[in-house]
Amino acid sequence: MTMGSGGSSIVVPRNFRLLEELERGEKGIGDGTVSYGIDDGDDIYMRSWTGTIIGPHNSVHENRIYQLKLFCDKDYPDKPPSVRFHSRINITCVNHETGVVEPKKFGILAKWQRGYTMEDILVQLKKEMAAPPNRKLVQPPEGTFF
């Protein structure tokens, strides 16, 4: 969202917003432990995305690479994308059978705001991995998938 003169706000159209996110994802984020990009460059609606998180240090997730799928429906960014781990993981906000990040158990999805991005989701998931309830949970063997 951008402020215009006189305090009026301009809503950035969905596709422009997604193009901004794609550009940012392609440039690399922060320390490189979180990344994302579009699955199919021919998808003009930019719905299906892949995210990657390298597990945080000093946790059972350290040096593991987790792959996720994010799906931005037509209502994105007004509504959050659906998020599902492709790599098996054991953390409290993820359904153990499907890999779906359950919105009611994951704050950023439960209290979604239009200004949030896919990057925000991935960064918060990485923080969730390092949180006390999750940092020592027994994990599935590395390289297993839902």
N, C-alpha and C. Protein backbone atom coordinates (compact mmCIF):
# COMPACT_ATOMS: atom_id res chain seq x y z
N MET A 1 0.84 -1.16 0.00
CA MET A 1 0.00 0.00 0.00
C MET A 1 0.90 1.23 0.00
N THR A 2 0.49 2.25 -0.75
CA THR A 2 1.27 3.47 -0.86
C THR A 2 0.37 4.65 -0.49
N MET A 3 0.96 5.65 0.15
CA MET A 3 0.20 6.84 0.52
C MET A 3 0.28 7.85 -0.62
N GLY A 4 -0.87 8.39 -1.00
CA GLY A 4 -0.91 9.44 -2.00
C GLY A 4 -0.96 10.79 -1.32
N SER A 5 -1.05 11.86 -2.09
CA SER A 5 -1.14 13.19 -1.49
C SER A 5 -2.46 13.32 -0.76
N GLY A 6 -2.43 14.04 0.32
CA GLY A 6 -3.64 14.23 1.10
C GLY A 6 -3.98 13.04 1.99
N GLY A 7 -3.08 12.07 2.12
CA GLY A 7 -3.29 10.94 3.00
C GLY A 7 -4.14 9.83 2.41
N SER A 8 -4.55 9.94 1.13
CA SER A 8 -5.34 8.86 0.53
C SER A 8 -4.41 7.69 0.23
N SER A 9 -4.96 6.48 0.32
CA SER A 9 -4.13 5.31 0.07
C SER A 9 -4.46 4.69 -1.27
N ILE A 10 -3.44 4.14 -1.89
CA ILE A 10 -3.58 3.49 -3.17
C ILE A 10 -3.31 2.01 -2.95
N VAL A 11 -4.21 1.17 -3.41
CA VAL A 11 -4.03 -0.27 -3.26
C VAL A 11 -3.30 -0.79 -4.49
N VAL A 12 -2.15 -1.43 -4.24
CA VAL A 12 -1.36 -2.01 -5.33
C VAL A 12 -2.09 -3.25 -5.86
N PRO A 13 -2.33 -3.33 -7.17
CA PRO A 13 -3.01 -4.50 -7.72
C PRO A 13 -2.22 -5.80 -7.44
N ARG A 14 -2.96 -6.90 -7.35
CA ARG A 14 -2.40 -8.21 -7.01
C ARG A 14 -1.17 -8.56 -7.84
N ASN A 15 -1.26 -8.47 -9.17
CA ASN A 15 -0.14 -8.90 -10.01
C ASN A 15 1.08 -8.02 -9.82
N PHE A 16 0.90 -6.72 -9.60
CA PHE A 16 2.05 -5.84 -9.35
C PHE A 16 2.71 -6.23 -8.04
N ARG A 17 1.89 -6.51 -7.06
CA ARG A 17 2.41 -6.92 -5.75
C ARG A 17 3.22 -8.21 -5.88
N LEU A 18 2.67 -9.18 -6.62
CA LEU A 18 3.38 -10.45 -6.79
C LEU A 18 4.67 -10.27 -7.59
N LEU A 19 4.66 -9.38 -8.57
CA LEU A 19 5.89 -9.10 -9.31
C LEU A 19 6.96 -8.51 -8.40
N GLU A 20 6.54 -7.62 -7.48
CA GLU A 20 7.48 -7.06 -6.50
C GLU A 20 8.07 -8.17 -5.63
N GLU A 21 7.21 -9.10 -5.19
CA GLU A 21 7.68 -10.20 -4.34
C GLU A 21 8.62 -11.11 -5.12
N LEU A 22 8.29 -11.37 -6.38
CA LEU A 22 9.15 -12.22 -7.22
C LEU A 22 10.53 -11.58 -7.37
N GLU A 23 10.56 -10.29 -7.66
CA GLU A 23 11.84 -9.59 -7.82
C GLU A 23 12.66 -9.69 -6.54
N ARG A 24 12.01 -9.47 -5.40
CA ARG A 24 12.72 -9.53 -4.12
C ARG A 24 13.22 -10.95 -3.85
N GLY A 25 12.38 -11.94 -4.12
CA GLY A 25 12.77 -13.34 -3.91
C GLY A 25 13.95 -13.75 -4.77
N GLU A 26 13.99 -13.24 -6.00
CA GLU A 26 15.08 -13.58 -6.92
C GLU A 26 16.40 -12.93 -6.51
N LYS A 27 16.33 -11.80 -5.83
CA LYS A 27 17.55 -11.10 -5.42
C LYS A 27 18.21 -11.75 -4.21
N GLY A 28 17.46 -12.59 -3.49
CA GLY A 28 18.00 -13.18 -2.27
C GLY A 28 17.60 -12.33 -1.08
N ILE A 29 17.40 -12.99 0.02
CA ILE A 29 16.85 -12.34 1.20
C ILE A 29 17.83 -12.48 2.36
N GLY A 30 18.14 -11.38 3.00
CA GLY A 30 18.93 -11.40 4.22
C GLY A 30 20.17 -12.25 4.14
N ASP A 31 20.27 -13.22 5.04
CA ASP A 31 21.47 -14.06 5.13
C ASP A 31 21.43 -15.27 4.19
N GLY A 32 20.42 -15.37 3.35
CA GLY A 32 20.35 -16.45 2.38
C GLY A 32 19.76 -17.74 2.91
N THR A 33 19.24 -17.74 4.13
CA THR A 33 18.68 -18.98 4.69
C THR A 33 17.20 -19.14 4.38
N VAL A 34 16.62 -18.12 3.73
CA VAL A 34 15.22 -18.16 3.30
C VAL A 34 15.18 -17.67 1.86
N SER A 35 14.47 -18.41 1.00
CA SER A 35 14.33 -17.98 -0.39
C SER A 35 12.98 -18.45 -0.93
N TYR A 36 12.56 -17.83 -2.03
CA TYR A 36 11.31 -18.23 -2.65
C TYR A 36 11.28 -17.77 -4.09
N GLY A 37 10.44 -18.42 -4.88
CA GLY A 37 10.27 -18.06 -6.27
C GLY A 37 9.04 -18.73 -6.84
N ILE A 38 8.68 -18.31 -8.02
CA ILE A 38 7.48 -18.83 -8.68
C ILE A 38 7.78 -20.20 -9.29
N ASP A 39 6.80 -21.10 -9.24
CA ASP A 39 6.97 -22.45 -9.78
C ASP A 39 7.00 -22.49 -11.30
N ASP A 40 6.08 -21.75 -11.92
CA ASP A 40 5.90 -21.83 -13.37
C ASP A 40 5.91 -20.42 -13.95
N GLY A 41 6.96 -20.08 -14.66
CA GLY A 41 7.08 -18.76 -15.25
C GLY A 41 6.00 -18.44 -16.26
N ASP A 42 5.29 -19.46 -16.74
CA ASP A 42 4.20 -19.26 -17.70
C ASP A 42 2.86 -19.00 -17.03
N ASP A 43 2.80 -19.14 -15.71
CA ASP A 43 1.54 -18.92 -14.97
C ASP A 43 1.33 -17.42 -14.81
N ILE A 44 0.49 -16.84 -15.67
CA ILE A 44 0.29 -15.39 -15.65
C ILE A 44 -0.39 -14.91 -14.37
N TYR A 45 -1.02 -15.82 -13.63
CA TYR A 45 -1.67 -15.44 -12.38
C TYR A 45 -0.75 -15.56 -11.17
N MET A 46 0.44 -16.13 -11.38
CA MET A 46 1.47 -16.24 -10.34
C MET A 46 0.92 -16.85 -9.05
N ARG A 47 0.30 -18.00 -9.17
CA ARG A 47 -0.36 -18.63 -8.03
C ARG A 47 0.56 -19.54 -7.22
N SER A 48 1.34 -20.36 -7.89
CA SER A 48 2.09 -21.41 -7.20
C SER A 48 3.56 -21.02 -7.03
N TRP A 49 4.02 -21.07 -5.77
CA TRP A 49 5.37 -20.65 -5.41
C TRP A 49 6.06 -21.75 -4.61
N THR A 50 7.38 -21.75 -4.66
CA THR A 50 8.19 -22.66 -3.86
C THR A 50 9.03 -21.83 -2.90
N GLY A 51 9.07 -22.26 -1.66
CA GLY A 51 9.92 -21.59 -0.67
C GLY A 51 10.93 -22.58 -0.12
N THR A 52 12.04 -22.06 0.34
CA THR A 52 13.09 -22.87 0.94
C THR A 52 13.54 -22.19 2.23
N ILE A 53 13.69 -23.02 3.26
CA ILE A 53 14.21 -22.52 4.54
C ILE A 53 15.35 -23.43 4.96
N ILE A 54 16.50 -22.84 5.27
CA ILE A 54 17.59 -23.61 5.87
C ILE A 54 17.40 -23.48 7.38
N GLY A 55 17.32 -24.62 8.04
CA GLY A 55 17.01 -24.64 9.47
C GLY A 55 17.93 -23.79 10.31
N PRO A 56 17.39 -23.21 11.38
CA PRO A 56 18.16 -22.31 12.24
C PRO A 56 19.23 -23.05 13.05
N HIS A 57 20.32 -22.32 13.35
CA HIS A 57 21.41 -22.86 14.17
C HIS A 57 20.92 -23.20 15.56
N ASN A 58 21.64 -24.08 16.21
CA ASN A 58 21.36 -24.47 17.59
C ASN A 58 19.95 -25.03 17.77
N SER A 59 19.50 -25.77 16.78
CA SER A 59 18.20 -26.44 16.87
C SER A 59 18.34 -27.78 16.14
N VAL A 60 17.33 -28.64 16.29
CA VAL A 60 17.36 -29.92 15.57
C VAL A 60 17.22 -29.71 14.06
N HIS A 61 16.90 -28.49 13.66
CA HIS A 61 16.70 -28.17 12.25
C HIS A 61 17.99 -27.65 11.58
N GLU A 62 19.05 -27.49 12.37
CA GLU A 62 20.28 -26.90 11.86
C GLU A 62 20.80 -27.66 10.65
N ASN A 63 21.15 -26.89 9.60
CA ASN A 63 21.72 -27.40 8.35
C ASN A 63 20.77 -28.27 7.54
N ARG A 64 19.52 -28.37 7.93
CA ARG A 64 18.54 -29.07 7.11
C ARG A 64 17.91 -28.07 6.14
N ILE A 65 17.54 -28.56 4.97
CA ILE A 65 16.89 -27.72 3.97
C ILE A 65 15.45 -28.17 3.85
N TYR A 66 14.53 -27.23 4.08
CA TYR A 66 13.10 -27.52 4.03
C TYR A 66 12.48 -26.83 2.81
N GLN A 67 11.70 -27.60 2.07
CA GLN A 67 11.00 -27.06 0.91
C GLN A 67 9.52 -26.91 1.25
N LEU A 68 8.93 -25.82 0.77
CA LEU A 68 7.52 -25.53 1.01
C LEU A 68 6.85 -25.13 -0.29
N LYS A 69 5.53 -25.25 -0.30
CA LYS A 69 4.72 -24.75 -1.40
C LYS A 69 3.81 -23.67 -0.83
N LEU A 70 3.72 -22.57 -1.54
CA LEU A 70 2.82 -21.48 -1.18
C LEU A 70 1.89 -21.28 -2.36
N PHE A 71 0.59 -21.16 -2.08
CA PHE A 71 -0.38 -20.97 -3.15
C PHE A 71 -1.14 -19.68 -2.90
N CYS A 72 -0.98 -18.74 -3.81
CA CYS A 72 -1.62 -17.43 -3.71
C CYS A 72 -2.89 -17.44 -4.56
N ASP A 73 -4.02 -17.59 -3.91
CA ASP A 73 -5.29 -17.60 -4.60
C ASP A 73 -5.60 -16.20 -5.14
N LYS A 74 -6.73 -16.06 -5.81
CA LYS A 74 -7.11 -14.78 -6.40
C LYS A 74 -7.29 -13.67 -5.37
N ASP A 75 -7.50 -14.04 -4.09
CA ASP A 75 -7.71 -13.05 -3.04
C ASP A 75 -6.42 -12.56 -2.39
N TYR A 76 -5.27 -13.14 -2.77
CA TYR A 76 -3.99 -12.69 -2.23
C TYR A 76 -3.70 -11.31 -2.79
N PRO A 77 -3.22 -10.36 -2.05
CA PRO A 77 -2.71 -10.37 -0.69
C PRO A 77 -3.74 -10.01 0.38
N ASP A 78 -5.00 -9.87 -0.01
CA ASP A 78 -6.02 -9.57 1.00
C ASP A 78 -6.22 -10.74 1.95
N LYS A 79 -6.01 -11.95 1.45
CA LYS A 79 -6.07 -13.15 2.28
C LYS A 79 -4.73 -13.87 2.14
N PRO A 80 -4.32 -14.61 3.16
CA PRO A 80 -2.99 -15.24 3.11
C PRO A 80 -2.93 -16.38 2.10
N PRO A 81 -1.74 -16.69 1.65
CA PRO A 81 -1.59 -17.88 0.80
C PRO A 81 -1.75 -19.13 1.65
N SER A 82 -2.06 -20.24 1.00
CA SER A 82 -1.99 -21.51 1.73
C SER A 82 -0.52 -21.94 1.71
N VAL A 83 -0.06 -22.53 2.79
CA VAL A 83 1.34 -22.89 2.94
C VAL A 83 1.42 -24.35 3.36
N ARG A 84 2.26 -25.11 2.65
CA ARG A 84 2.41 -26.52 2.96
C ARG A 84 3.88 -26.91 2.82
N PHE A 85 4.38 -27.57 3.84
CA PHE A 85 5.74 -28.11 3.75
C PHE A 85 5.74 -29.30 2.82
N HIS A 86 6.72 -29.35 1.92
CA HIS A 86 6.94 -30.52 1.08
C HIS A 86 7.87 -31.47 1.84
N SER A 87 8.86 -30.90 2.51
CA SER A 87 9.77 -31.69 3.35
C SER A 87 9.06 -32.01 4.66
N ARG A 88 9.25 -33.22 5.15
CA ARG A 88 8.65 -33.58 6.44
C ARG A 88 9.33 -32.78 7.55
N ILE A 89 8.49 -32.30 8.48
CA ILE A 89 8.98 -31.51 9.61
C ILE A 89 8.04 -31.72 10.78
N ASN A 90 8.58 -31.63 11.97
CA ASN A 90 7.78 -31.76 13.18
C ASN A 90 7.89 -30.45 13.96
N ILE A 91 6.90 -29.56 13.74
CA ILE A 91 6.75 -28.34 14.55
C ILE A 91 5.26 -28.17 14.83
N THR A 92 4.96 -27.43 15.88
CA THR A 92 3.60 -27.40 16.41
C THR A 92 2.55 -26.79 15.48
N CYS A 93 2.94 -25.96 14.52
CA CYS A 93 1.95 -25.32 13.64
C CYS A 93 1.72 -26.08 12.34
N VAL A 94 2.38 -27.23 12.17
CA VAL A 94 2.28 -27.99 10.92
C VAL A 94 1.54 -29.29 11.16
N ASN A 95 0.55 -29.57 10.30
CA ASN A 95 -0.19 -30.82 10.37
C ASN A 95 0.78 -31.96 10.06
N HIS A 96 0.86 -32.93 10.96
CA HIS A 96 1.85 -34.02 10.84
C HIS A 96 1.54 -34.99 9.70
N GLU A 97 0.31 -34.99 9.21
CA GLU A 97 -0.05 -35.93 8.13
C GLU A 97 0.03 -35.29 6.75
N THR A 98 -0.23 -33.98 6.66
CA THR A 98 -0.31 -33.32 5.35
C THR A 98 0.80 -32.31 5.08
N GLY A 99 1.44 -31.82 6.13
CA GLY A 99 2.45 -30.79 5.97
C GLY A 99 1.88 -29.39 5.88
N VAL A 100 0.56 -29.24 5.99
CA VAL A 100 -0.07 -27.93 5.90
C VAL A 100 0.23 -27.12 7.15
N VAL A 101 0.62 -25.87 6.94
CA VAL A 101 0.79 -24.94 8.06
C VAL A 101 -0.62 -24.49 8.44
N GLU A 102 -1.01 -24.81 9.65
CA GLU A 102 -2.37 -24.54 10.09
C GLU A 102 -2.51 -23.09 10.55
N PRO A 103 -3.32 -22.30 9.83
CA PRO A 103 -3.43 -20.88 10.14
C PRO A 103 -3.77 -20.58 11.60
N LYS A 104 -4.62 -21.36 12.22
CA LYS A 104 -5.02 -21.08 13.60
C LYS A 104 -3.86 -21.28 14.58
N LYS A 105 -2.83 -22.03 14.16
CA LYS A 105 -1.69 -22.31 15.03
C LYS A 105 -0.45 -21.49 14.67
N PHE A 106 -0.57 -20.66 13.64
CA PHE A 106 0.58 -19.88 13.17
C PHE A 106 0.16 -18.42 13.05
N GLY A 107 0.66 -17.61 13.97
CA GLY A 107 0.22 -16.24 14.16
C GLY A 107 0.09 -15.38 12.92
N ILE A 108 1.09 -15.38 12.05
CA ILE A 108 1.06 -14.48 10.89
C ILE A 108 -0.09 -14.83 9.95
N LEU A 109 -0.43 -16.11 9.84
CA LEU A 109 -1.56 -16.50 9.00
C LEU A 109 -2.88 -16.24 9.71
N ALA A 110 -2.91 -16.45 11.03
CA ALA A 110 -4.13 -16.25 11.82
C ALA A 110 -4.52 -14.77 11.85
N LYS A 111 -3.53 -13.89 11.86
CA LYS A 111 -3.79 -12.45 11.95
C LYS A 111 -3.27 -11.74 10.70
N TRP A 112 -3.57 -12.31 9.56
CA TRP A 112 -3.05 -11.82 8.29
C TRP A 112 -3.41 -10.36 8.05
N GLN A 113 -2.43 -9.63 7.52
CA GLN A 113 -2.64 -8.24 7.09
C GLN A 113 -2.13 -8.11 5.66
N ARG A 114 -2.76 -7.26 4.90
CA ARG A 114 -2.43 -7.09 3.49
C ARG A 114 -0.96 -6.77 3.25
N GLY A 115 -0.33 -6.11 4.18
CA GLY A 115 1.07 -5.72 4.02
C GLY A 115 2.06 -6.86 4.21
N TYR A 116 1.61 -8.00 4.73
CA TYR A 116 2.50 -9.15 4.91
C TYR A 116 2.84 -9.77 3.55
N THR A 117 4.00 -10.45 3.51
CA THR A 117 4.47 -11.06 2.26
C THR A 117 4.82 -12.52 2.48
N MET A 118 5.11 -13.20 1.39
CA MET A 118 5.58 -14.59 1.49
C MET A 118 6.91 -14.64 2.24
N GLU A 119 7.74 -13.65 2.04
CA GLU A 119 9.00 -13.57 2.77
C GLU A 119 8.74 -13.53 4.27
N ASP A 120 7.76 -12.73 4.68
CA ASP A 120 7.42 -12.64 6.11
C ASP A 120 7.02 -14.02 6.64
N ILE A 121 6.25 -14.75 5.87
CA ILE A 121 5.81 -16.09 6.29
C ILE A 121 7.02 -17.01 6.49
N LEU A 122 7.93 -17.02 5.53
CA LEU A 122 9.09 -17.91 5.61
C LEU A 122 10.00 -17.53 6.78
N VAL A 123 10.21 -16.25 6.98
CA VAL A 123 11.04 -15.79 8.10
C VAL A 123 10.39 -16.20 9.43
N GLN A 124 9.07 -16.04 9.54
CA GLN A 124 8.39 -16.42 10.77
C GLN A 124 8.41 -17.93 10.99
N LEU A 125 8.33 -18.70 9.91
CA LEU A 125 8.43 -20.17 10.06
C LEU A 125 9.81 -20.56 10.57
N LYS A 126 10.84 -19.89 10.07
CA LYS A 126 12.20 -20.17 10.55
C LYS A 126 12.30 -19.84 12.04
N LYS A 127 11.72 -18.72 12.45
CA LYS A 127 11.71 -18.36 13.88
C LYS A 127 10.94 -19.39 14.68
N GLU A 128 9.85 -19.89 14.11
CA GLU A 128 9.04 -20.91 14.79
C GLU A 128 9.86 -22.18 15.02
N MET A 129 10.70 -22.55 14.06
CA MET A 129 11.56 -23.72 14.21
C MET A 129 12.50 -23.57 15.41
N ALA A 130 12.94 -22.34 15.65
CA ALA A 130 13.90 -22.09 16.73
C ALA A 130 13.22 -21.81 18.07
N ALA A 131 11.88 -21.71 18.07
CA ALA A 131 11.16 -21.42 19.31
C ALA A 131 11.28 -22.61 20.28
N PRO A 132 11.29 -22.33 21.58
CA PRO A 132 11.48 -23.40 22.58
C PRO A 132 10.60 -24.65 22.38
N PRO A 133 9.31 -24.52 22.05
CA PRO A 133 8.52 -25.76 21.90
C PRO A 133 8.95 -26.63 20.71
N ASN A 134 9.68 -26.04 19.76
CA ASN A 134 10.02 -26.77 18.52
C ASN A 134 11.50 -27.09 18.35
N ARG A 135 12.35 -26.39 19.05
CA ARG A 135 13.78 -26.49 18.74
C ARG A 135 14.39 -27.86 19.02
N LYS A 136 13.75 -28.68 19.86
CA LYS A 136 14.32 -29.98 20.19
C LYS A 136 13.40 -31.15 19.85
N LEU A 137 12.26 -30.89 19.17
CA LEU A 137 11.35 -31.98 18.81
C LEU A 137 12.06 -32.96 17.87
N VAL A 138 11.80 -34.22 18.06
CA VAL A 138 12.37 -35.26 17.20
C VAL A 138 11.84 -35.03 15.78
N GLN A 139 12.76 -35.06 14.82
CA GLN A 139 12.41 -34.80 13.42
C GLN A 139 12.41 -36.07 12.59
N PRO A 140 11.59 -36.10 11.54
CA PRO A 140 11.64 -37.22 10.60
C PRO A 140 13.02 -37.28 9.94
N PRO A 141 13.38 -38.42 9.36
CA PRO A 141 14.68 -38.50 8.68
C PRO A 141 14.78 -37.42 7.60
N GLU A 142 15.96 -36.84 7.49
CA GLU A 142 16.19 -35.81 6.49
C GLU A 142 15.96 -36.40 5.10
N GLY A 143 15.34 -35.59 4.23
CA GLY A 143 15.09 -36.02 2.85
C GLY A 143 13.78 -36.76 2.68
N THR A 144 12.92 -36.81 3.71
CA THR A 144 11.61 -37.42 3.55
C THR A 144 10.57 -36.34 3.26
N PHE A 145 9.53 -36.71 2.52
CA PHE A 145 8.56 -35.72 2.05
C PHE A 145 7.12 -36.15 2.35
N PHE A 146 6.24 -35.15 2.38
CA PHE A 146 4.81 -35.41 2.56
C PHE A 146 4.24 -35.89 1.25
